[in-house]
Amino acid sequence: MVDNYIVKVRKIMGIVLFYGFARYLPKPNCLIKPIGVISKKIRAFCGKLILNKCGENVNICNMSSFSTRVEIGNNSGIGYKAKITGPCTIGDNVIMGPEVYIFTKNHIIDDINIPIKYQGSTEDERVFIGDDCWIGCRSILMPGVKLGKGVVVGAGAVVTKDVPDYAVVGGVPAKVLRYRGEPLV
């Protein structure tokens, strides 16, 4: 009981610190290098307070927003202006470009006699991002998708299905373009 209370207080403190202050600090590679380094460390500290699991050497970029139910591995990042709306597991060594959106639920649209806005939403479906992935700028990951190890998601792709290990995907909806390690054609 006391442990749950401490966890809730810790998360609230982290949320207030991050959304009230840290998310607005400069990016790590700003013109005044020491300020960028300190900003990165402050946002990583907030991540340790807020997230269910937060690895070492994480890079939570400025202007991002994310659920408390995110788990992030070592040497991974949440990109500039990225948005993660619910439960998401991010592996180790993941690179995330700017403005990546990760959705974990959707609108219910089945009943044509009820306006969509009144039908509610689906249950959260966790998104899994494997180790050593690169998610390009303005990509969208839909609820429940799983990215295998070493996946590359091209800029602007909309991932609606699971992606196998070492695949390079792109397009709307995202399709496998090739596999890493294969020669370019």
N, C-alpha and C. Protein backbone atom coordinates (compact mmCIF):
# COMPACT_ATOMS: atom_id res chain seq x y z
N MET A 1 0.82 -1.19 0.00
CA MET A 1 0.00 0.00 0.00
C MET A 1 0.87 1.26 0.00
N VAL A 2 1.84 1.33 0.91
CA VAL A 2 2.73 2.48 0.99
C VAL A 2 3.58 2.58 -0.28
N ASP A 3 4.03 1.42 -0.81
CA ASP A 3 4.82 1.41 -2.04
C ASP A 3 4.03 1.99 -3.20
N ASN A 4 2.75 1.62 -3.34
CA ASN A 4 1.91 2.16 -4.41
C ASN A 4 1.79 3.67 -4.28
N TYR A 5 1.63 4.15 -3.06
CA TYR A 5 1.52 5.58 -2.80
C TYR A 5 2.81 6.29 -3.23
N ILE A 6 3.95 5.72 -2.88
CA ILE A 6 5.25 6.30 -3.23
C ILE A 6 5.42 6.34 -4.75
N VAL A 7 5.04 5.27 -5.44
CA VAL A 7 5.14 5.23 -6.90
C VAL A 7 4.26 6.32 -7.52
N LYS A 8 3.03 6.46 -7.04
CA LYS A 8 2.12 7.49 -7.57
C LYS A 8 2.67 8.89 -7.34
N VAL A 9 3.18 9.15 -6.15
CA VAL A 9 3.75 10.47 -5.84
C VAL A 9 4.96 10.73 -6.73
N ARG A 10 5.81 9.72 -6.91
CA ARG A 10 7.00 9.85 -7.76
C ARG A 10 6.59 10.19 -9.19
N LYS A 11 5.58 9.48 -9.72
CA LYS A 11 5.12 9.73 -11.09
C LYS A 11 4.53 11.13 -11.22
N ILE A 12 3.75 11.56 -10.24
CA ILE A 12 3.16 12.90 -10.29
C ILE A 12 4.25 13.96 -10.27
N MET A 13 5.26 13.78 -9.42
CA MET A 13 6.37 14.73 -9.37
C MET A 13 7.08 14.79 -10.72
N GLY A 14 7.31 13.63 -11.32
CA GLY A 14 7.98 13.57 -12.61
C GLY A 14 7.17 14.24 -13.71
N ILE A 15 5.85 14.01 -13.69
CA ILE A 15 4.97 14.61 -14.69
C ILE A 15 4.98 16.13 -14.57
N VAL A 16 4.86 16.62 -13.35
CA VAL A 16 4.86 18.08 -13.13
C VAL A 16 6.20 18.68 -13.58
N LEU A 17 7.30 18.03 -13.22
CA LEU A 17 8.62 18.53 -13.60
C LEU A 17 8.81 18.49 -15.12
N PHE A 18 8.41 17.37 -15.75
CA PHE A 18 8.61 17.23 -17.19
C PHE A 18 7.72 18.20 -17.98
N TYR A 19 6.39 18.12 -17.75
CA TYR A 19 5.47 18.91 -18.55
C TYR A 19 5.45 20.39 -18.17
N GLY A 20 5.88 20.71 -16.97
CA GLY A 20 5.92 22.09 -16.54
C GLY A 20 7.22 22.80 -16.88
N PHE A 21 8.28 22.01 -17.15
CA PHE A 21 9.60 22.63 -17.28
C PHE A 21 10.50 21.91 -18.28
N ALA A 22 10.79 20.65 -18.04
CA ALA A 22 11.85 19.95 -18.76
C ALA A 22 11.57 19.77 -20.25
N ARG A 23 10.32 19.58 -20.62
CA ARG A 23 10.03 19.34 -22.05
C ARG A 23 10.32 20.57 -22.90
N TYR A 24 10.44 21.73 -22.27
CA TYR A 24 10.70 22.99 -22.99
C TYR A 24 12.18 23.35 -23.05
N LEU A 25 13.01 22.59 -22.37
CA LEU A 25 14.45 22.87 -22.40
C LEU A 25 15.02 22.59 -23.79
N PRO A 26 16.18 23.18 -24.11
CA PRO A 26 16.75 23.01 -25.45
C PRO A 26 17.11 21.56 -25.76
N LYS A 27 17.23 21.27 -27.06
CA LYS A 27 17.62 19.93 -27.50
C LYS A 27 19.08 19.67 -27.15
N PRO A 28 19.48 18.39 -27.13
CA PRO A 28 20.85 18.05 -26.71
C PRO A 28 21.94 18.68 -27.57
N ASN A 29 21.69 18.88 -28.85
CA ASN A 29 22.73 19.43 -29.72
C ASN A 29 22.50 20.93 -30.00
N CYS A 30 22.06 21.66 -28.97
CA CYS A 30 21.86 23.11 -29.13
C CYS A 30 23.21 23.81 -29.23
N LEU A 31 23.19 25.08 -29.55
CA LEU A 31 24.43 25.83 -29.78
C LEU A 31 25.35 25.88 -28.57
N ILE A 32 24.77 25.95 -27.39
CA ILE A 32 25.58 25.98 -26.16
C ILE A 32 25.58 24.56 -25.60
N LYS A 33 26.61 23.80 -25.96
CA LYS A 33 26.68 22.36 -25.68
C LYS A 33 26.36 21.99 -24.23
N PRO A 34 26.95 22.64 -23.22
CA PRO A 34 26.67 22.23 -21.84
C PRO A 34 25.18 22.34 -21.47
N ILE A 35 24.49 23.34 -22.00
CA ILE A 35 23.06 23.48 -21.71
C ILE A 35 22.28 22.32 -22.31
N GLY A 36 22.65 21.91 -23.54
CA GLY A 36 22.00 20.77 -24.17
C GLY A 36 22.21 19.48 -23.41
N VAL A 37 23.42 19.27 -22.91
CA VAL A 37 23.75 18.06 -22.14
C VAL A 37 22.95 18.04 -20.83
N ILE A 38 22.89 19.17 -20.15
CA ILE A 38 22.14 19.26 -18.89
C ILE A 38 20.65 19.04 -19.15
N SER A 39 20.13 19.62 -20.22
CA SER A 39 18.71 19.45 -20.58
C SER A 39 18.38 17.98 -20.80
N LYS A 40 19.26 17.27 -21.52
CA LYS A 40 19.06 15.84 -21.77
C LYS A 40 19.03 15.06 -20.46
N LYS A 41 19.92 15.39 -19.54
CA LYS A 41 19.98 14.69 -18.25
C LYS A 41 18.74 14.96 -17.41
N ILE A 42 18.24 16.18 -17.45
CA ILE A 42 17.03 16.51 -16.69
C ILE A 42 15.84 15.73 -17.24
N ARG A 43 15.70 15.67 -18.57
CA ARG A 43 14.58 14.92 -19.16
C ARG A 43 14.71 13.42 -18.88
N ALA A 44 15.94 12.89 -18.89
CA ALA A 44 16.14 11.48 -18.55
C ALA A 44 15.75 11.22 -17.09
N PHE A 45 16.09 12.13 -16.21
CA PHE A 45 15.70 12.01 -14.80
C PHE A 45 14.18 11.98 -14.68
N CYS A 46 13.51 12.87 -15.41
CA CYS A 46 12.04 12.87 -15.40
C CYS A 46 11.50 11.53 -15.90
N GLY A 47 12.13 10.98 -16.94
CA GLY A 47 11.72 9.68 -17.46
C GLY A 47 11.81 8.59 -16.40
N LYS A 48 12.87 8.63 -15.61
CA LYS A 48 13.02 7.64 -14.54
C LYS A 48 11.93 7.77 -13.49
N LEU A 49 11.46 8.99 -13.27
CA LEU A 49 10.37 9.21 -12.32
C LEU A 49 9.02 8.78 -12.89
N ILE A 50 8.79 9.06 -14.16
CA ILE A 50 7.48 8.89 -14.77
C ILE A 50 7.23 7.47 -15.28
N LEU A 51 8.20 6.90 -15.98
CA LEU A 51 7.98 5.67 -16.73
C LEU A 51 8.00 4.42 -15.86
N ASN A 52 7.28 3.39 -16.31
CA ASN A 52 7.29 2.10 -15.61
C ASN A 52 8.69 1.51 -15.60
N LYS A 53 9.41 1.66 -16.73
CA LYS A 53 10.79 1.17 -16.82
C LYS A 53 11.55 2.16 -17.67
N CYS A 54 12.69 2.60 -17.19
CA CYS A 54 13.51 3.55 -17.93
C CYS A 54 14.96 3.11 -17.83
N GLY A 55 15.55 2.76 -18.97
CA GLY A 55 16.92 2.27 -19.00
C GLY A 55 17.94 3.37 -18.77
N GLU A 56 19.18 3.02 -18.98
CA GLU A 56 20.30 3.96 -18.83
C GLU A 56 20.54 4.69 -20.14
N ASN A 57 21.05 5.89 -20.04
CA ASN A 57 21.44 6.70 -21.20
C ASN A 57 20.29 6.89 -22.19
N VAL A 58 19.10 7.19 -21.70
CA VAL A 58 17.96 7.45 -22.59
C VAL A 58 17.99 8.91 -23.04
N ASN A 59 17.39 9.14 -24.20
CA ASN A 59 17.30 10.49 -24.74
C ASN A 59 15.83 10.81 -25.00
N ILE A 60 15.22 11.50 -24.08
CA ILE A 60 13.83 11.93 -24.25
C ILE A 60 13.91 13.36 -24.77
N CYS A 61 13.57 13.52 -26.04
CA CYS A 61 13.72 14.83 -26.68
C CYS A 61 12.68 15.82 -26.19
N ASN A 62 13.01 17.08 -26.39
CA ASN A 62 12.10 18.14 -25.97
C ASN A 62 10.81 18.10 -26.79
N MET A 63 9.76 18.62 -26.19
CA MET A 63 8.43 18.74 -26.77
C MET A 63 7.73 17.39 -27.00
N SER A 64 8.29 16.30 -26.50
CA SER A 64 7.63 15.00 -26.63
C SER A 64 6.57 14.84 -25.55
N SER A 65 5.66 13.90 -25.77
CA SER A 65 4.68 13.55 -24.74
C SER A 65 4.48 12.04 -24.78
N PHE A 66 4.27 11.46 -23.60
CA PHE A 66 4.21 10.00 -23.52
C PHE A 66 3.43 9.58 -22.28
N SER A 67 2.92 8.37 -22.35
CA SER A 67 2.16 7.76 -21.26
C SER A 67 3.11 7.31 -20.15
N THR A 68 2.59 7.23 -18.95
CA THR A 68 3.38 6.68 -17.84
C THR A 68 3.60 5.17 -18.03
N ARG A 69 2.85 4.57 -18.95
CA ARG A 69 2.92 3.12 -19.16
C ARG A 69 3.94 2.72 -20.22
N VAL A 70 4.83 3.64 -20.58
CA VAL A 70 5.90 3.35 -21.53
C VAL A 70 7.06 2.70 -20.77
N GLU A 71 7.70 1.75 -21.43
CA GLU A 71 8.94 1.14 -20.92
C GLU A 71 9.99 1.35 -21.98
N ILE A 72 11.14 1.89 -21.60
CA ILE A 72 12.18 2.20 -22.58
C ILE A 72 13.50 1.58 -22.13
N GLY A 73 14.20 0.97 -23.07
CA GLY A 73 15.45 0.29 -22.77
C GLY A 73 16.65 1.21 -22.79
N ASN A 74 17.81 0.62 -22.64
CA ASN A 74 19.08 1.36 -22.59
C ASN A 74 19.41 1.98 -23.94
N ASN A 75 19.99 3.17 -23.91
CA ASN A 75 20.49 3.86 -25.09
C ASN A 75 19.41 4.13 -26.14
N SER A 76 18.17 4.26 -25.73
CA SER A 76 17.06 4.50 -26.65
C SER A 76 16.51 5.90 -26.45
N GLY A 77 15.67 6.32 -27.39
CA GLY A 77 15.14 7.66 -27.30
C GLY A 77 13.70 7.79 -27.71
N ILE A 78 13.10 8.87 -27.26
CA ILE A 78 11.77 9.30 -27.70
C ILE A 78 12.02 10.61 -28.44
N GLY A 79 11.63 10.66 -29.71
CA GLY A 79 11.98 11.76 -30.59
C GLY A 79 11.31 13.09 -30.27
N TYR A 80 11.85 14.13 -30.88
CA TYR A 80 11.34 15.49 -30.77
C TYR A 80 9.87 15.53 -31.20
N LYS A 81 9.01 16.07 -30.38
CA LYS A 81 7.57 16.18 -30.62
C LYS A 81 6.89 14.83 -30.85
N ALA A 82 7.52 13.73 -30.41
CA ALA A 82 6.89 12.41 -30.52
C ALA A 82 5.74 12.33 -29.53
N LYS A 83 4.77 11.46 -29.84
CA LYS A 83 3.63 11.29 -28.95
C LYS A 83 3.34 9.79 -28.82
N ILE A 84 3.35 9.30 -27.59
CA ILE A 84 3.05 7.90 -27.30
C ILE A 84 1.84 7.90 -26.37
N THR A 85 0.71 7.36 -26.85
CA THR A 85 -0.55 7.56 -26.14
C THR A 85 -0.89 6.52 -25.08
N GLY A 86 -0.16 5.43 -24.99
CA GLY A 86 -0.50 4.39 -24.02
C GLY A 86 0.64 3.43 -23.83
N PRO A 87 0.33 2.17 -23.47
CA PRO A 87 1.39 1.22 -23.16
C PRO A 87 2.26 0.90 -24.38
N CYS A 88 3.56 1.04 -24.20
CA CYS A 88 4.51 0.81 -25.29
C CYS A 88 5.81 0.32 -24.68
N THR A 89 6.39 -0.70 -25.29
CA THR A 89 7.69 -1.21 -24.87
C THR A 89 8.70 -0.89 -25.95
N ILE A 90 9.72 -0.13 -25.60
CA ILE A 90 10.78 0.27 -26.52
C ILE A 90 12.04 -0.45 -26.09
N GLY A 91 12.65 -1.20 -26.99
CA GLY A 91 13.84 -1.98 -26.66
C GLY A 91 15.09 -1.13 -26.49
N ASP A 92 16.24 -1.78 -26.52
CA ASP A 92 17.54 -1.11 -26.39
C ASP A 92 17.98 -0.56 -27.75
N ASN A 93 18.72 0.54 -27.71
CA ASN A 93 19.35 1.13 -28.90
C ASN A 93 18.36 1.51 -30.00
N VAL A 94 17.22 2.05 -29.61
CA VAL A 94 16.19 2.47 -30.57
C VAL A 94 16.35 3.95 -30.86
N ILE A 95 16.34 4.30 -32.16
CA ILE A 95 16.39 5.68 -32.61
C ILE A 95 14.99 6.05 -33.08
N MET A 96 14.48 7.17 -32.59
CA MET A 96 13.14 7.62 -32.99
C MET A 96 13.26 9.04 -33.54
N GLY A 97 12.81 9.22 -34.76
CA GLY A 97 12.85 10.53 -35.39
C GLY A 97 11.81 11.47 -34.81
N PRO A 98 11.79 12.70 -35.31
CA PRO A 98 10.83 13.68 -34.82
C PRO A 98 9.40 13.37 -35.24
N GLU A 99 8.47 13.77 -34.40
CA GLU A 99 7.04 13.72 -34.67
C GLU A 99 6.51 12.32 -34.97
N VAL A 100 7.10 11.31 -34.35
CA VAL A 100 6.58 9.94 -34.45
C VAL A 100 5.37 9.83 -33.53
N TYR A 101 4.30 9.22 -34.04
CA TYR A 101 3.09 9.00 -33.23
C TYR A 101 2.92 7.50 -33.03
N ILE A 102 2.70 7.12 -31.78
CA ILE A 102 2.44 5.72 -31.45
C ILE A 102 1.10 5.68 -30.75
N PHE A 103 0.12 5.08 -31.42
CA PHE A 103 -1.24 4.99 -30.88
C PHE A 103 -1.46 3.60 -30.31
N THR A 104 -2.20 3.52 -29.20
CA THR A 104 -2.44 2.22 -28.57
C THR A 104 -3.92 1.89 -28.47
N LYS A 105 -4.78 2.78 -28.91
CA LYS A 105 -6.21 2.49 -28.97
C LYS A 105 -6.79 3.23 -30.15
N ASN A 106 -8.03 2.88 -30.48
CA ASN A 106 -8.67 3.45 -31.65
C ASN A 106 -10.14 3.75 -31.33
N HIS A 107 -10.80 4.46 -32.21
CA HIS A 107 -12.24 4.70 -32.06
C HIS A 107 -13.02 3.46 -32.48
N ILE A 108 -14.13 3.22 -31.83
CA ILE A 108 -15.07 2.17 -32.26
C ILE A 108 -15.96 2.80 -33.34
N ILE A 109 -16.13 2.09 -34.45
CA ILE A 109 -16.87 2.66 -35.58
C ILE A 109 -17.95 1.73 -36.11
N ASP A 110 -18.30 0.68 -35.37
CA ASP A 110 -19.16 -0.39 -35.88
C ASP A 110 -20.63 -0.02 -36.08
N ASP A 111 -21.20 0.79 -35.21
CA ASP A 111 -22.64 1.08 -35.26
C ASP A 111 -22.89 2.35 -36.07
N ILE A 112 -23.49 2.18 -37.26
CA ILE A 112 -23.72 3.34 -38.13
C ILE A 112 -24.87 4.22 -37.64
N ASN A 113 -25.61 3.76 -36.63
CA ASN A 113 -26.72 4.53 -36.08
C ASN A 113 -26.30 5.46 -34.94
N ILE A 114 -25.06 5.34 -34.51
CA ILE A 114 -24.53 6.17 -33.41
C ILE A 114 -23.33 6.94 -33.96
N PRO A 115 -23.28 8.26 -33.74
CA PRO A 115 -22.10 9.01 -34.18
C PRO A 115 -20.83 8.41 -33.59
N ILE A 116 -19.77 8.39 -34.38
CA ILE A 116 -18.51 7.79 -33.96
C ILE A 116 -18.03 8.36 -32.63
N LYS A 117 -18.19 9.65 -32.43
CA LYS A 117 -17.67 10.26 -31.20
C LYS A 117 -18.35 9.74 -29.94
N TYR A 118 -19.53 9.09 -30.08
CA TYR A 118 -20.25 8.54 -28.92
C TYR A 118 -20.09 7.03 -28.77
N GLN A 119 -19.36 6.39 -29.66
CA GLN A 119 -19.20 4.94 -29.60
C GLN A 119 -18.06 4.49 -28.68
N GLY A 120 -17.24 5.42 -28.25
CA GLY A 120 -16.14 5.07 -27.34
C GLY A 120 -14.90 4.63 -28.10
N SER A 121 -14.01 4.02 -27.36
CA SER A 121 -12.76 3.57 -27.96
C SER A 121 -12.45 2.14 -27.56
N THR A 122 -11.54 1.55 -28.31
CA THR A 122 -11.12 0.17 -28.05
C THR A 122 -10.25 0.14 -26.79
N GLU A 123 -9.99 -1.05 -26.29
CA GLU A 123 -9.05 -1.22 -25.18
C GLU A 123 -7.64 -0.93 -25.70
N ASP A 124 -6.75 -0.51 -24.79
CA ASP A 124 -5.35 -0.29 -25.16
C ASP A 124 -4.72 -1.58 -25.66
N GLU A 125 -3.93 -1.48 -26.71
CA GLU A 125 -3.13 -2.59 -27.21
C GLU A 125 -1.68 -2.14 -27.20
N ARG A 126 -0.85 -2.81 -26.41
CA ARG A 126 0.56 -2.43 -26.27
C ARG A 126 1.29 -2.52 -27.61
N VAL A 127 2.13 -1.54 -27.88
CA VAL A 127 3.00 -1.53 -29.05
C VAL A 127 4.39 -1.97 -28.58
N PHE A 128 5.02 -2.89 -29.32
CA PHE A 128 6.35 -3.40 -28.99
C PHE A 128 7.33 -2.96 -30.07
N ILE A 129 8.43 -2.37 -29.65
CA ILE A 129 9.49 -1.97 -30.57
C ILE A 129 10.74 -2.72 -30.14
N GLY A 130 11.26 -3.57 -31.02
CA GLY A 130 12.41 -4.40 -30.69
C GLY A 130 13.70 -3.60 -30.58
N ASP A 131 14.76 -4.29 -30.20
CA ASP A 131 16.08 -3.67 -30.07
C ASP A 131 16.60 -3.21 -31.43
N ASP A 132 17.41 -2.16 -31.43
CA ASP A 132 18.14 -1.69 -32.60
C ASP A 132 17.23 -1.29 -33.76
N CYS A 133 16.12 -0.62 -33.46
CA CYS A 133 15.21 -0.14 -34.51
C CYS A 133 15.44 1.34 -34.77
N TRP A 134 15.10 1.76 -35.98
CA TRP A 134 15.13 3.16 -36.35
C TRP A 134 13.76 3.51 -36.90
N ILE A 135 13.07 4.41 -36.25
CA ILE A 135 11.72 4.81 -36.66
C ILE A 135 11.84 6.22 -37.22
N GLY A 136 11.57 6.35 -38.52
CA GLY A 136 11.78 7.61 -39.22
C GLY A 136 10.78 8.69 -38.88
N CYS A 137 11.13 9.89 -39.25
CA CYS A 137 10.34 11.10 -39.00
C CYS A 137 8.89 10.95 -39.46
N ARG A 138 7.99 11.39 -38.60
CA ARG A 138 6.55 11.42 -38.86
C ARG A 138 5.94 10.07 -39.20
N SER A 139 6.54 9.01 -38.71
CA SER A 139 5.94 7.68 -38.85
C SER A 139 4.83 7.52 -37.84
N ILE A 140 3.90 6.61 -38.13
CA ILE A 140 2.79 6.33 -37.23
C ILE A 140 2.76 4.82 -37.00
N LEU A 141 2.73 4.43 -35.73
CA LEU A 141 2.57 3.02 -35.37
C LEU A 141 1.19 2.86 -34.76
N MET A 142 0.42 1.94 -35.30
CA MET A 142 -0.96 1.74 -34.87
C MET A 142 -1.03 0.75 -33.70
N PRO A 143 -2.17 0.69 -33.01
CA PRO A 143 -2.31 -0.15 -31.82
C PRO A 143 -1.92 -1.61 -32.05
N GLY A 144 -1.15 -2.14 -31.10
CA GLY A 144 -0.84 -3.56 -31.08
C GLY A 144 0.26 -4.03 -32.01
N VAL A 145 0.89 -3.15 -32.79
CA VAL A 145 1.93 -3.62 -33.72
C VAL A 145 3.20 -3.99 -32.96
N LYS A 146 3.94 -4.90 -33.57
CA LYS A 146 5.21 -5.33 -33.01
C LYS A 146 6.27 -5.15 -34.08
N LEU A 147 7.33 -4.39 -33.75
CA LEU A 147 8.46 -4.25 -34.64
C LEU A 147 9.54 -5.20 -34.15
N GLY A 148 10.02 -6.05 -35.03
CA GLY A 148 11.06 -7.00 -34.66
C GLY A 148 12.40 -6.31 -34.45
N LYS A 149 13.40 -7.11 -34.17
CA LYS A 149 14.75 -6.60 -33.94
C LYS A 149 15.31 -6.00 -35.22
N GLY A 150 15.95 -4.83 -35.10
CA GLY A 150 16.66 -4.24 -36.22
C GLY A 150 15.80 -3.66 -37.32
N VAL A 151 14.54 -3.38 -37.06
CA VAL A 151 13.62 -2.86 -38.07
C VAL A 151 13.92 -1.40 -38.36
N VAL A 152 13.76 -1.02 -39.63
CA VAL A 152 13.84 0.38 -40.04
C VAL A 152 12.47 0.75 -40.61
N VAL A 153 11.87 1.81 -40.05
CA VAL A 153 10.58 2.32 -40.53
C VAL A 153 10.88 3.63 -41.26
N GLY A 154 10.57 3.66 -42.56
CA GLY A 154 10.83 4.85 -43.36
C GLY A 154 9.99 6.03 -42.92
N ALA A 155 10.49 7.22 -43.20
CA ALA A 155 9.79 8.45 -42.83
C ALA A 155 8.39 8.47 -43.41
N GLY A 156 7.43 8.84 -42.60
CA GLY A 156 6.05 8.98 -43.05
C GLY A 156 5.28 7.69 -43.19
N ALA A 157 5.86 6.57 -42.84
CA ALA A 157 5.18 5.27 -42.96
C ALA A 157 4.09 5.14 -41.90
N VAL A 158 3.05 4.38 -42.24
CA VAL A 158 1.99 4.06 -41.29
C VAL A 158 2.03 2.55 -41.09
N VAL A 159 2.49 2.12 -39.92
CA VAL A 159 2.66 0.68 -39.64
C VAL A 159 1.36 0.16 -39.02
N THR A 160 0.69 -0.74 -39.75
CA THR A 160 -0.59 -1.28 -39.30
C THR A 160 -0.50 -2.76 -38.93
N LYS A 161 0.63 -3.41 -39.29
CA LYS A 161 0.81 -4.84 -39.02
C LYS A 161 2.20 -5.06 -38.44
N ASP A 162 2.38 -6.24 -37.83
CA ASP A 162 3.68 -6.60 -37.28
C ASP A 162 4.74 -6.60 -38.37
N VAL A 163 5.99 -6.27 -37.98
CA VAL A 163 7.10 -6.19 -38.92
C VAL A 163 8.17 -7.19 -38.47
N PRO A 164 8.63 -8.08 -39.38
CA PRO A 164 9.63 -9.08 -38.98
C PRO A 164 11.02 -8.47 -38.75
N ASP A 165 11.87 -9.23 -38.07
CA ASP A 165 13.23 -8.79 -37.77
C ASP A 165 13.95 -8.31 -39.04
N TYR A 166 14.70 -7.23 -38.88
CA TYR A 166 15.59 -6.66 -39.89
C TYR A 166 14.90 -6.20 -41.17
N ALA A 167 13.59 -6.03 -41.14
CA ALA A 167 12.87 -5.54 -42.31
C ALA A 167 13.01 -4.02 -42.40
N VAL A 168 13.03 -3.52 -43.62
CA VAL A 168 12.96 -2.09 -43.89
C VAL A 168 11.58 -1.87 -44.50
N VAL A 169 10.75 -1.07 -43.84
CA VAL A 169 9.38 -0.86 -44.30
C VAL A 169 9.15 0.61 -44.62
N GLY A 170 8.19 0.84 -45.51
CA GLY A 170 7.82 2.20 -45.86
C GLY A 170 6.47 2.22 -46.54
N GLY A 171 5.88 3.38 -46.63
CA GLY A 171 4.62 3.55 -47.33
C GLY A 171 3.42 3.59 -46.41
N VAL A 172 2.25 3.77 -47.05
CA VAL A 172 0.98 3.84 -46.34
C VAL A 172 0.00 2.89 -47.02
N PRO A 173 -0.37 1.78 -46.41
CA PRO A 173 0.21 1.24 -45.17
C PRO A 173 1.62 0.71 -45.44
N ALA A 174 2.42 0.61 -44.40
CA ALA A 174 3.81 0.19 -44.55
C ALA A 174 3.90 -1.23 -45.08
N LYS A 175 4.82 -1.41 -46.02
CA LYS A 175 5.11 -2.73 -46.60
C LYS A 175 6.61 -2.97 -46.52
N VAL A 176 6.99 -4.25 -46.49
CA VAL A 176 8.41 -4.59 -46.46
C VAL A 176 9.01 -4.23 -47.81
N LEU A 177 10.05 -3.39 -47.79
CA LEU A 177 10.75 -2.98 -49.01
C LEU A 177 11.96 -3.87 -49.27
N ARG A 178 12.62 -4.26 -48.20
CA ARG A 178 13.77 -5.16 -48.28
C ARG A 178 14.14 -5.54 -46.85
N TYR A 179 15.20 -6.32 -46.72
CA TYR A 179 15.73 -6.69 -45.40
C TYR A 179 17.14 -6.16 -45.26
N ARG A 180 17.48 -5.70 -44.06
CA ARG A 180 18.84 -5.22 -43.80
C ARG A 180 19.81 -6.37 -44.04
N GLY A 181 20.95 -6.05 -44.59
CA GLY A 181 21.95 -7.06 -44.88
C GLY A 181 21.87 -7.57 -46.29
N GLU A 182 20.73 -7.35 -46.97
CA GLU A 182 20.60 -7.74 -48.37
C GLU A 182 21.23 -6.65 -49.23
N PRO A 183 21.81 -7.03 -50.36
CA PRO A 183 22.36 -5.98 -51.24
C PRO A 183 21.24 -5.16 -51.87
N LEU A 184 21.50 -3.87 -52.10
CA LEU A 184 20.51 -3.02 -52.75
C LEU A 184 20.36 -3.43 -54.22
N VAL A 185 19.17 -3.41 -54.71
CA VAL A 185 18.93 -3.80 -56.12
C VAL A 185 18.96 -2.58 -57.00
